[in-house]
PDB file of N, CA and C in Angstrom:
ATOM      1  N   ILE A   1     231.952  41.061-245.947  1.00  0.00           N
ATOM      2  CA  ILE A   1     230.968  40.100-245.482  1.00  0.00           C
ATOM      3  C   ILE A   1     230.811  39.047-246.579  1.00  0.00           C
ATOM      4  N   PRO A   2     230.945  37.788-246.228  1.00  0.00           N
ATOM      5  CA  PRO A   2     230.770  36.739-247.239  1.00  0.00           C
ATOM      6  C   PRO A   2     229.332  36.721-247.771  1.00  0.00           C
ATOM      7  N   ALA A   3     229.183  36.449-249.046  1.00  0.00           N
ATOM      8  CA  ALA A   3     227.866  36.463-249.699  1.00  0.00           C
ATOM      9  C   ALA A   3     226.861  35.548-249.008  1.00  0.00           C
ATOM     10  N   GLU A   4     227.303  34.448-248.468  1.00  0.00           N
ATOM     11  CA  GLU A   4     226.375  33.527-247.810  1.00  0.00           C
ATOM     12  C   GLU A   4     225.768  34.101-246.530  1.00  0.00           C
ATOM     13  N   ARG A   5     226.282  35.232-246.083  1.00  0.00           N
ATOM     14  CA  ARG A   5     225.734  35.861-244.875  1.00  0.00           C
ATOM     15  C   ARG A   5     224.842  37.063-245.187  1.00  0.00           C
ATOM     16  N   PHE A   6     224.694  37.437-246.459  1.00  0.00           N
ATOM     17  CA  PHE A   6     223.900  38.612-246.825  1.00  0.00           C
ATOM     18  C   PHE A   6     222.472  38.550-246.308  1.00  0.00           C
ATOM     19  N   ALA A   7     221.882  37.379-246.269  1.00  0.00           N
ATOM     20  CA  ALA A   7     220.481  37.236-245.843  1.00  0.00           C
ATOM     21  C   ALA A   7     220.344  36.930-244.352  1.00  0.00           C
ATOM     22  N   GLU A   8     221.450  36.890-243.655  1.00  0.00           N
ATOM     23  CA  GLU A   8     221.427  36.576-242.223  1.00  0.00           C
ATOM     24  C   GLU A   8     220.880  37.759-241.417  1.00  0.00           C
ATOM     25  N   ARG A   9     219.994  37.443-240.502  1.00  0.00           N
ATOM     26  CA  ARG A   9     219.449  38.472-239.606  1.00  0.00           C
ATOM     27  C   ARG A   9     220.220  38.427-238.289  1.00  0.00           C
ATOM     28  N   LEU A  10     220.775  39.558-237.905  1.00  0.00           N
ATOM     29  CA  LEU A  10     221.470  39.620-236.627  1.00  0.00           C
ATOM     30  C   LEU A  10     220.479  39.787-235.477  1.00  0.00           C
ATOM     31  N   GLN A  11     219.337  40.394-235.803  1.00  0.00           N
ATOM     32  CA  GLN A  11     218.246  40.538-234.844  1.00  0.00           C
ATOM     33  C   GLN A  11     216.960  40.232-235.597  1.00  0.00           C
ATOM     34  N   PRO A  12     216.034  39.506-234.963  1.00  0.00           N
ATOM     35  CA  PRO A  12     214.828  39.071-235.678  1.00  0.00           C
ATOM     36  C   PRO A  12     213.963  40.199-236.217  1.00  0.00           C
ATOM     37  N   ASP A  13     213.982  41.352-235.597  1.00  0.00           N
ATOM     38  CA  ASP A  13     213.111  42.460-236.006  1.00  0.00           C
ATOM     39  C   ASP A  13     213.838  43.536-236.810  1.00  0.00           C
ATOM     40  N   ARG A  14     215.030  43.202-237.320  1.00  0.00           N
ATOM     41  CA  ARG A  14     215.810  44.174-238.089  1.00  0.00           C
ATOM     42  C   ARG A  14     216.069  43.643-239.498  1.00  0.00           C
ATOM     43  N   PHE A  15     216.373  44.553-240.421  1.00  0.00           N
ATOM     44  CA  PHE A  15     216.700  44.166-241.787  1.00  0.00           C
ATOM     45  C   PHE A  15     218.004  43.357-241.829  1.00  0.00           C
ATOM     46  N   ASN A  16     218.081  42.436-242.798  1.00  0.00           N
ATOM     47  CA  ASN A  16     219.370  41.810-243.087  1.00  0.00           C
ATOM     48  C   ASN A  16     220.100  42.720-244.086  1.00  0.00           C
ATOM     49  N   LEU A  17     221.302  42.353-244.493  1.00  0.00           N
ATOM     50  CA  LEU A  17     222.097  43.223-245.356  1.00  0.00           C
ATOM     51  C   LEU A  17     221.423  43.479-246.704  1.00  0.00           C
ATOM     52  N   ILE A  18     220.840  42.447-247.299  1.00  0.00           N
ATOM     53  CA  ILE A  18     220.150  42.626-248.584  1.00  0.00           C
ATOM     54  C   ILE A  18     219.019  43.644-248.428  1.00  0.00           C
ATOM     55  N   GLU A  19     218.235  43.493-247.388  1.00  0.00           N
ATOM     56  CA  GLU A  19     217.112  44.409-247.151  1.00  0.00           C
ATOM     57  C   GLU A  19     217.596  45.823-246.858  1.00  0.00           C
ATOM     58  N   MET A  20     218.727  45.945-246.160  1.00  0.00           N
ATOM     59  CA  MET A  20     219.274  47.281-245.877  1.00  0.00           C
ATOM     60  C   MET A  20     219.633  48.018-247.158  1.00  0.00           C
ATOM     61  N   VAL A  21     220.313  47.319-248.053  1.00  0.00           N
ATOM     62  CA  VAL A  21     220.733  47.949-249.310  1.00  0.00           C
ATOM     63  C   VAL A  21     219.516  48.260-250.182  1.00  0.00           C
ATOM     64  N   ALA A  22     218.561  47.343-250.232  1.00  0.00           N
ATOM     65  CA  ALA A  22     217.329  47.588-250.991  1.00  0.00           C
ATOM     66  C   ALA A  22     216.569  48.772-250.411  1.00  0.00           C
ATOM     67  N   HIS A  23     216.551  48.879-249.087  1.00  0.00           N
ATOM     68  CA  HIS A  23     215.886  50.001-248.417  1.00  0.00           C
ATOM     69  C   HIS A  23     216.542  51.320-248.816  1.00  0.00           C
ATOM     70  N   LEU A  24     217.855  51.368-248.784  1.00  0.00           N
ATOM     71  CA  LEU A  24     218.555  52.597-249.173  1.00  0.00           C
ATOM     72  C   LEU A  24     218.242  52.975-250.618  1.00  0.00           C
ATOM     73  N   ALA A  25     218.255  51.986-251.506  1.00  0.00           N
ATOM     74  CA  ALA A  25     217.959  52.244-252.921  1.00  0.00           C
ATOM     75  C   ALA A  25     216.526  52.743-253.104  1.00  0.00           C
ATOM     76  N   ASP A  26     215.593  52.112-252.418  1.00  0.00           N
ATOM     77  CA  ASP A  26     214.183  52.467-252.536  1.00  0.00           C
ATOM     78  C   ASP A  26     213.898  53.846-251.952  1.00  0.00           C
ATOM     79  N   TRP A  27     214.462  54.120-250.812  1.00  0.00           N
ATOM     80  CA  TRP A  27     214.145  55.366-250.111  1.00  0.00           C
ATOM     81  C   TRP A  27     214.890  56.580-250.621  1.00  0.00           C
ATOM     82  N   GLU A  28     215.916  56.391-251.413  1.00  0.00           N
ATOM     83  CA  GLU A  28     216.637  57.560-251.922  1.00  0.00           C
ATOM     84  C   GLU A  28     215.724  58.423-252.796  1.00  0.00           C
ATOM     85  N   ASP A  29     214.851  57.810-253.587  1.00  0.00           N
ATOM     86  CA  ASP A  29     213.879  58.584-254.375  1.00  0.00           C
ATOM     87  C   ASP A  29     212.911  59.333-253.467  1.00  0.00           C
ATOM     88  N   ILE A  30     212.487  58.695-252.406  1.00  0.00           N
ATOM     89  CA  ILE A  30     211.578  59.336-251.456  1.00  0.00           C
ATOM     90  C   ILE A  30     212.274  60.530-250.818  1.00  0.00           C
ATOM     91  N   PHE A  31     213.523  60.335-250.436  1.00  0.00           N
ATOM     92  CA  PHE A  31     214.297  61.422-249.834  1.00  0.00           C
ATOM     93  C   PHE A  31     214.431  62.593-250.800  1.00  0.00           C
ATOM     94  N   LEU A  32     214.748  62.306-252.065  1.00  0.00           N
ATOM     95  CA  LEU A  32     214.872  63.371-253.064  1.00  0.00           C
ATOM     96  C   LEU A  32     213.533  64.065-253.282  1.00  0.00           C
ATOM     97  N   ASP A  33     212.455  63.322-253.353  1.00  0.00           N
ATOM     98  CA  ASP A  33     211.125  63.930-253.489  1.00  0.00           C
ATOM     99  C   ASP A  33     210.826  64.853-252.312  1.00  0.00           C
ATOM    100  N   ARG A  34     211.200  64.427-251.126  1.00  0.00           N
ATOM    101  CA  ARG A  34     210.973  65.260-249.931  1.00  0.00           C
ATOM    102  C   ARG A  34     211.819  66.526-249.970  1.00  0.00           C
ATOM    103  N   LEU A  35     213.047  66.420-250.450  1.00  0.00           N
ATOM    104  CA  LEU A  35     213.889  67.610-250.595  1.00  0.00           C
ATOM    105  C   LEU A  35     213.269  68.584-251.595  1.00  0.00           C
ATOM    106  N   ARG A  36     212.841  68.053-252.732  1.00  0.00           N
ATOM    107  CA  ARG A  36     212.213  68.910-253.750  1.00  0.00           C
ATOM    108  C   ARG A  36     210.958  69.581-253.193  1.00  0.00           C
ATOM    109  N   GLN A  37     210.149  68.813-252.503  1.00  0.00           N
ATOM    110  CA  GLN A  37     208.920  69.343-251.920  1.00  0.00           C
ATOM    111  C   GLN A  37     209.237  70.464-250.923  1.00  0.00           C
ATOM    112  N   THR A  38     210.259  70.272-250.130  1.00  0.00           N
ATOM    113  CA  THR A  38     210.647  71.274-249.141  1.00  0.00           C
ATOM    114  C   THR A  38     211.074  72.571-249.816  1.00  0.00           C
ATOM    115  N   VAL A  39     211.794  72.448-250.915  1.00  0.00           N
ATOM    116  CA  VAL A  39     212.262  73.631-251.645  1.00  0.00           C
ATOM    117  C   VAL A  39     211.109  74.301-252.386  1.00  0.00           C
ATOM    118  N   GLU A  40     210.287  73.506-253.056  1.00  0.00           N
ATOM    119  CA  GLU A  40     209.234  74.044-253.909  1.00  0.00           C
ATOM    120  C   GLU A  40     207.980  74.457-253.143  1.00  0.00           C
ATOM    121  N   ARG A  41     207.689  73.798-252.029  1.00  0.00           N
ATOM    122  CA  ARG A  41     206.474  74.085-251.260  1.00  0.00           C
ATOM    123  C   ARG A  41     206.778  74.100-249.760  1.00  0.00           C
ATOM    124  N   PRO A  42     207.527  75.111-249.308  1.00  0.00           N
ATOM    125  CA  PRO A  42     207.874  75.167-247.889  1.00  0.00           C
ATOM    126  C   PRO A  42     206.621  75.101-247.008  1.00  0.00           C
ATOM    127  N   GLY A  43     206.729  74.354-245.922  1.00  0.00           N
ATOM    128  CA  GLY A  43     205.613  74.233-244.998  1.00  0.00           C
ATOM    129  C   GLY A  43     204.613  73.159-245.364  1.00  0.00           C
ATOM    130  N   SER A  44     204.805  72.499-246.510  1.00  0.00           N
ATOM    131  CA  SER A  44     203.868  71.447-246.901  1.00  0.00           C
ATOM    132  C   SER A  44     204.094  70.200-246.037  1.00  0.00           C
ATOM    133  N   THR A  45     203.112  69.329-246.053  1.00  0.00           N
ATOM    134  CA  THR A  45     203.161  68.109-245.246  1.00  0.00           C
ATOM    135  C   THR A  45     203.947  67.025-245.970  1.00  0.00           C
ATOM    136  N   ILE A  46     204.836  66.393-245.235  1.00  0.00           N
ATOM    137  CA  ILE A  46     205.623  65.281-245.763  1.00  0.00           C
ATOM    138  C   ILE A  46     204.848  63.989-245.490  1.00  0.00           C
ATOM    139  N   LEU A  47     204.652  63.174-246.515  1.00  0.00           N
ATOM    140  CA  LEU A  47     203.939  61.916-246.352  1.00  0.00           C
ATOM    141  C   LEU A  47     204.754  60.926-245.544  1.00  0.00           C
ATOM    142  N   ALA A  48     204.088  60.166-244.709  1.00  0.00           N
ATOM    143  CA  ALA A  48     204.736  59.129-243.915  1.00  0.00           C
ATOM    144  C   ALA A  48     204.577  57.782-244.601  1.00  0.00           C
ATOM    145  N   TYR A  49     205.516  56.905-244.381  1.00  0.00           N
ATOM    146  CA  TYR A  49     205.477  55.554-244.927  1.00  0.00           C
ATOM    147  C   TYR A  49     205.755  54.568-243.800  1.00  0.00           C
ATOM    148  N   ASP A  50     205.154  53.401-243.899  1.00  0.00           N
ATOM    149  CA  ASP A  50     205.444  52.311-242.985  1.00  0.00           C
ATOM    150  C   ASP A  50     206.600  51.520-243.601  1.00  0.00           C
ATOM    151  N   GLU A  51     207.789  51.656-243.029  1.00  0.00           N
ATOM    152  CA  GLU A  51     208.982  51.034-243.604  1.00  0.00           C
ATOM    153  C   GLU A  51     208.872  49.517-243.682  1.00  0.00           C
ATOM    154  N   THR A  52     208.327  48.905-242.659  1.00  0.00           N
ATOM    155  CA  THR A  52     208.209  47.448-242.642  1.00  0.00           C
ATOM    156  C   THR A  52     207.248  46.970-243.719  1.00  0.00           C
ATOM    157  N   LYS A  53     206.117  47.629-243.817  1.00  0.00           N
ATOM    158  CA  LYS A  53     205.131  47.249-244.824  1.00  0.00           C
ATOM    159  C   LYS A  53     205.693  47.448-246.233  1.00  0.00           C
ATOM    160  N   ARG A  54     206.382  48.559-246.438  1.00  0.00           N
ATOM    161  CA  ARG A  54     206.967  48.843-247.742  1.00  0.00           C
ATOM    162  C   ARG A  54     208.007  47.779-248.104  1.00  0.00           C
ATOM    163  N   ALA A  55     208.824  47.385-247.142  1.00  0.00           N
ATOM    164  CA  ALA A  55     209.842  46.358-247.378  1.00  0.00           C
ATOM    165  C   ALA A  55     209.200  45.040-247.804  1.00  0.00           C
ATOM    166  N   GLU A  56     208.093  44.709-247.176  1.00  0.00           N
ATOM    167  CA  GLU A  56     207.390  43.476-247.535  1.00  0.00           C
ATOM    168  C   GLU A  56     206.753  43.588-248.914  1.00  0.00           C
ATOM    169  N   GLU A  57     206.068  44.708-249.167  1.00  0.00           N
ATOM    170  CA  GLU A  57     205.405  44.908-250.457  1.00  0.00           C
ATOM    171  C   GLU A  57     206.400  44.935-251.612  1.00  0.00           C
ATOM    172  N   LYS A  58     207.541  45.536-251.386  1.00  0.00           N
ATOM    173  CA  LYS A  58     208.551  45.660-252.444  1.00  0.00           C
ATOM    174  C   LYS A  58     209.520  44.483-252.457  1.00  0.00           C
ATOM    175  N   ARG A  59     209.328  43.556-251.554  1.00  0.00           N
ATOM    176  CA  ARG A  59     210.121  42.321-251.493  1.00  0.00           C
ATOM    177  C   ARG A  59     211.618  42.584-251.420  1.00  0.00           C
ATOM    178  N   TYR A  60     212.017  43.420-250.493  1.00  0.00           N
ATOM    179  CA  TYR A  60     213.432  43.731-250.328  1.00  0.00           C
ATOM    180  C   TYR A  60     214.287  42.474-250.192  1.00  0.00           C
ATOM    181  N   ALA A  61     213.811  41.496-249.437  1.00  0.00           N
ATOM    182  CA  ALA A  61     214.596  40.287-249.150  1.00  0.00           C
ATOM    183  C   ALA A  61     214.922  39.477-250.399  1.00  0.00           C
ATOM    184  N   GLU A  62     214.169  39.687-251.480  1.00  0.00           N
ATOM    185  CA  GLU A  62     214.373  38.919-252.710  1.00  0.00           C
ATOM    186  C   GLU A  62     215.222  39.658-253.744  1.00  0.00           C
ATOM    187  N   ARG A  63     215.660  40.829-253.400  1.00  0.00           N
ATOM    188  CA  ARG A  63     216.398  41.649-254.357  1.00  0.00           C
ATOM    189  C   ARG A  63     217.859  41.214-254.484  1.00  0.00           C
ATOM    190  N   ASP A  64     218.477  41.592-255.582  1.00  0.00           N
ATOM    191  CA  ASP A  64     219.905  41.342-255.802  1.00  0.00           C
ATOM    192  C   ASP A  64     220.691  42.495-255.173  1.00  0.00           C
ATOM    193  N   ILE A  65     221.520  42.186-254.212  1.00  0.00           N
ATOM    194  CA  ILE A  65     222.221  43.214-253.447  1.00  0.00           C
ATOM    195  C   ILE A  65     223.123  44.086-254.328  1.00  0.00           C
ATOM    196  N   HIS A  66     223.760  43.488-255.310  1.00  0.00           N
ATOM    197  CA  HIS A  66     224.671  44.247-256.178  1.00  0.00           C
ATOM    198  C   HIS A  66     223.894  45.219-257.064  1.00  0.00           C
ATOM    199  N   HIS A  67     222.781  44.763-257.587  1.00  0.00           N
ATOM    200  CA  HIS A  67     221.921  45.651-258.382  1.00  0.00           C
ATOM    201  C   HIS A  67     221.403  46.802-257.526  1.00  0.00           C
ATOM    202  N   GLU A  68     220.941  46.484-256.338  1.00  0.00           N
ATOM    203  CA  GLU A  68     220.390  47.516-255.447  1.00  0.00           C
ATOM    204  C   GLU A  68     221.454  48.530-255.045  1.00  0.00           C
ATOM    205  N   ALA A  69     222.692  48.078-254.858  1.00  0.00           N
ATOM    206  CA  ALA A  69     223.783  49.005-254.532  1.00  0.00           C
ATOM    207  C   ALA A  69     224.017  49.979-255.685  1.00  0.00           C
ATOM    208  N   GLN A  70     223.920  49.485-256.917  1.00  0.00           N
ATOM    209  CA  GLN A  70     224.086  50.356-258.085  1.00  0.00           C
ATOM    210  C   GLN A  70     222.918  51.331-258.213  1.00  0.00           C
ATOM    211  N   VAL A  71     221.709  50.840-257.964  1.00  0.00           N
ATOM    212  CA  VAL A  71     220.530  51.710-257.994  1.00  0.00           C
ATOM    213  C   VAL A  71     220.690  52.823-256.964  1.00  0.00           C
ATOM    214  N   PHE A  72     221.115  52.462-255.767  1.00  0.00           N
ATOM    215  CA  PHE A  72     221.323  53.473-254.727  1.00  0.00           C
ATOM    216  C   PHE A  72     222.363  54.504-255.161  1.00  0.00           C
ATOM    217  N   ALA A  73     223.482  54.037-255.711  1.00  0.00           N
ATOM    218  CA  ALA A  73     224.536  54.964-256.144  1.00  0.00           C
ATOM    219  C   ALA A  73     224.008  55.938-257.200  1.00  0.00           C
ATOM    220  N   ASN A  74     223.237  55.439-258.158  1.00  0.00           N
ATOM    221  CA  ASN A  74     222.675  56.304-259.200  1.00  0.00           C
ATOM    222  C   ASN A  74     221.686  57.310-258.620  1.00  0.00           C
ATOM    223  N   ARG A  75     220.831  56.838-257.743  1.00  0.00           N
ATOM    224  CA  ARG A  75     219.839  57.731-257.144  1.00  0.00           C
ATOM    225  C   ARG A  75     220.496  58.756-256.229  1.00  0.00           C
ATOM    226  N   ARG A  76     221.526  58.327-255.506  1.00  0.00           N
ATOM    227  CA  ARG A  76     222.235  59.279-254.636  1.00  0.00           C
ATOM    228  C   ARG A  76     222.907  60.360-255.470  1.00  0.00           C
ATOM    229  N   ARG A  77     223.420  59.990-256.634  1.00  0.00           N
ATOM    230  CA  ARG A  77     224.016  60.971-257.532  1.00  0.00           C
ATOM    231  C   ARG A  77     222.965  62.007-257.944  1.00  0.00           C
ATOM    232  N   ASP A  78     221.740  61.559-258.231  1.00  0.00           N
ATOM    233  CA  ASP A  78     220.653  62.484-258.563  1.00  0.00           C
ATOM    234  C   ASP A  78     220.368  63.427-257.399  1.00  0.00           C
ATOM    235  N   THR A  79     220.372  62.893-256.195  1.00  0.00           N
ATOM    236  CA  THR A  79     220.133  63.721-255.008  1.00  0.00           C
ATOM    237  C   THR A  79     221.229  64.762-254.856  1.00  0.00           C
ATOM    238  N   LEU A  80     222.460  64.347-255.012  1.00  0.00           N
ATOM    239  CA  LEU A  80     223.583  65.282-254.884  1.00  0.00           C
ATOM    240  C   LEU A  80     223.543  66.337-255.981  1.00  0.00           C
ATOM    241  N   ASP A  81     223.163  65.945-257.182  1.00  0.00           N
ATOM    242  CA  ASP A  81     223.023  66.930-258.274  1.00  0.00           C
ATOM    243  C   ASP A  81     221.962  67.962-257.923  1.00  0.00           C
ATOM    244  N   PHE A  82     220.854  67.508-257.370  1.00  0.00           N
ATOM    245  CA  PHE A  82     219.792  68.439-256.986  1.00  0.00           C
ATOM    246  C   PHE A  82     220.292  69.403-255.920  1.00  0.00           C
ATOM    247  N   ILE A  83     220.925  68.876-254.904  1.00  0.00           N
ATOM    248  CA  ILE A  83     221.424  69.726-253.813  1.00  0.00           C
ATOM    249  C   ILE A  83     222.461  70.704-254.323  1.00  0.00           C
ATOM    250  N   SER A  84     223.356  70.245-255.194  1.00  0.00           N
ATOM    251  CA  SER A  84     224.395  71.114-255.754  1.00  0.00           C
ATOM    252  C   SER A  84     223.816  72.245-256.592  1.00  0.00           C
ATOM    253  N   GLY A  85     222.645  72.012-257.157  1.00  0.00           N
ATOM    254  CA  GLY A  85     222.021  73.022-257.999  1.00  0.00           C
ATOM    255  C   GLY A  85     221.209  74.066-257.249  1.00  0.00           C
ATOM    256  N   LEU A  86     221.093  73.904-255.944  1.00  0.00           N
ATOM    257  CA  LEU A  86     220.315  74.872-255.155  1.00  0.00           C
ATOM    258  C   LEU A  86     221.096  76.152-254.932  1.00  0.00           C
ATOM    259  N   ALA A  87     220.384  77.248-254.902  1.00  0.00           N
ATOM    260  CA  ALA A  87     220.988  78.534-254.582  1.00  0.00           C
ATOM    261  C   ALA A  87     221.387  78.548-253.100  1.00  0.00           C
ATOM    262  N   PRO A  88     222.421  79.259-252.746  1.00  0.00           N
ATOM    263  CA  PRO A  88     222.881  79.262-251.346  1.00  0.00           C
ATOM    264  C   PRO A  88     221.785  79.628-250.332  1.00  0.00           C
ATOM    265  N   GLU A  89     220.891  80.522-250.713  1.00  0.00           N
ATOM    266  CA  GLU A  89     219.846  80.906-249.779  1.00  0.00           C
ATOM    267  C   GLU A  89     218.795  79.833-249.638  1.00  0.00           C
TER     268      GLU A  89
END
């Protein structure tokens, strides 16, 4: 995808590419926290988030897509390390 199209919205109510990558980077920590919570406190309540509000508050549209892709890769590695360290049961 050419860089000049990163901010293009294909649908008015959906994320553009920059926002998608920022969302993945931002939510990977939330996902890992939820995994940890599930392992450490089975049956506990998972907090809900308003994705649209969070995207606006965190200014996803203003983020650097390349930086966010690296952040996501690093955070995903942390998630995979956590999962790999779990006992089979």
